[in-house]
Protein backbone atom coordinates (compact mmCIF):
# COMPACT_ATOMS: atom_id res chain seq x y z
CA UNK A 1 -0.04 -0.02 -0.15
CA UNK A 2 1.28 3.50 -0.84
CA UNK A 3 0.78 6.66 0.89
CA UNK A 4 -1.61 7.73 -1.84
CA UNK A 5 -3.73 4.59 -1.46
CA UNK A 6 -3.92 5.03 2.42
CA UNK A 7 -5.17 8.65 1.83
CA UNK A 8 -7.80 6.88 -0.43
CA UNK A 9 -8.96 4.30 2.18
CA UNK A 10 -9.15 6.92 4.96
CA UNK A 11 -11.23 9.21 2.49
CA UNK A 12 -13.56 6.64 1.66
CA UNK A 13 -13.78 5.42 5.62
CA UNK A 14 -14.26 8.96 6.86
CA UNK A 15 -16.63 10.81 4.32
CA UNK A 16 -17.08 14.00 6.54
CA UNK A 17 -13.19 14.78 5.89
CA UNK A 18 -12.19 16.44 3.00
CA UNK A 19 -9.23 14.90 0.96
CA UNK A 20 -6.82 17.80 2.02
CA UNK A 21 -7.76 17.07 5.78
CA UNK A 22 -7.15 13.42 5.20
CA UNK A 23 -3.89 14.22 3.33
CA UNK A 24 -2.65 16.65 5.88
CA UNK A 25 -3.39 14.27 8.67
CA UNK A 26 -1.46 11.55 7.01
CA UNK A 27 1.41 13.82 6.44
CA UNK A 28 1.75 15.04 9.98
CA UNK A 29 1.52 11.31 11.40
CA UNK A 30 4.29 10.09 9.09
CA UNK A 31 6.37 13.03 9.94
CA UNK A 32 6.02 12.45 13.67
CA UNK A 33 6.90 8.83 13.36
CA UNK A 34 9.77 9.89 10.98
CA UNK A 35 11.09 12.34 13.66
CA UNK A 36 10.48 9.97 16.66
CA UNK A 37 13.04 7.46 14.72
CA UNK A 38 15.44 10.10 13.60
CA UNK A 39 15.66 11.12 17.49
CA UNK A 40 16.52 7.40 18.40
CA UNK A 41 13.01 6.95 19.78
CA UNK A 42 10.73 3.81 19.66
CA UNK A 43 7.16 3.88 18.04
CA UNK A 44 4.89 1.17 19.38
CA UNK A 45 1.24 1.02 17.86
CA UNK A 46 -0.55 -2.00 19.94
CA UNK A 47 -1.92 -4.66 17.68
CA UNK A 48 0.41 -3.81 14.82
CA UNK A 49 3.73 -3.86 16.06
CA UNK A 50 6.92 -1.47 17.00
CA UNK A 51 9.54 0.46 15.10
CA UNK A 52 12.77 1.03 16.68
CA UNK A 53 16.41 1.77 15.54
CA UNK A 54 19.62 -0.54 15.88
CA UNK A 55 22.94 0.27 15.69
CA UNK A 56 25.09 -1.76 12.88
CA UNK A 57 28.71 -1.89 14.07
CA UNK A 58 31.42 -1.11 11.49
CA UNK A 59 32.70 -4.20 9.67
CA UNK A 60 35.08 -5.42 6.75
CA UNK A 61 32.93 -6.21 3.80
CA UNK A 62 34.16 -7.49 0.30
CA UNK A 63 33.26 -6.05 -3.15
CA UNK A 64 31.44 -8.97 -4.86
CA UNK A 65 32.93 -7.98 -8.38
CA UNK A 66 36.42 -7.74 -7.40
CA UNK A 67 36.82 -9.41 -3.96
CA UNK A 68 38.59 -6.13 -2.49
CA UNK A 69 38.17 -5.89 1.21
CA UNK A 70 36.04 -2.56 2.04
CA UNK A 71 35.57 -0.89 5.20
CA UNK A 72 31.71 -0.41 5.91
CA UNK A 73 31.03 2.20 8.70
CA UNK A 74 28.60 1.86 11.42
CA UNK A 75 25.03 2.94 10.87
CA UNK A 76 21.69 2.99 12.38
CA UNK A 77 18.99 0.99 10.83
CA UNK A 78 15.19 0.58 11.19
CA UNK A 79 14.02 -2.50 12.85
CA UNK A 80 10.20 -3.33 12.88
CA UNK A 81 8.87 -6.01 15.04
CA UNK A 82 5.38 -7.05 14.23
CA UNK A 83 2.81 -7.50 17.11
CA UNK A 84 1.03 -10.62 17.97
CA UNK A 85 -2.46 -9.63 16.39
CA UNK A 86 -0.76 -8.85 13.05
CA UNK A 87 1.31 -11.82 12.97
CA UNK A 88 -1.88 -13.93 13.82
CA UNK A 89 -3.82 -12.26 11.06
CA UNK A 90 -1.20 -12.49 8.46
CA UNK A 91 -0.59 -16.25 9.21
CA UNK A 92 -4.42 -16.84 9.41
CA UNK A 93 -4.99 -15.26 5.69
CA UNK A 94 -2.01 -17.26 4.42
CA UNK A 95 -3.69 -20.45 5.39
CA UNK A 96 -7.06 -19.31 3.67
CA UNK A 97 -5.69 -18.75 0.25
CA UNK A 98 -6.03 -21.40 -2.38
CA UNK A 99 -2.94 -22.74 -3.78
């Protein structure tokens, strides 16, 4: 699902809101999530999951084409852990699909 698809779903679910209101709300929500992760915070949405950042230490990698060793610097990466309800719903939906 893309951001524009999310906005369409929200607009259909809440017809009293204008498309501009829904768009602004989605932008504010996503910006708040982005800022929390940039600041090293954690986002927890009950029933959905949690987002956090993890520090990846520096390491020695290899250029796959040449085989030359390359230093890969430390970096922060985003980690998502799905909540129990989401895991169960996804597992259940996969079991109901025809093969």
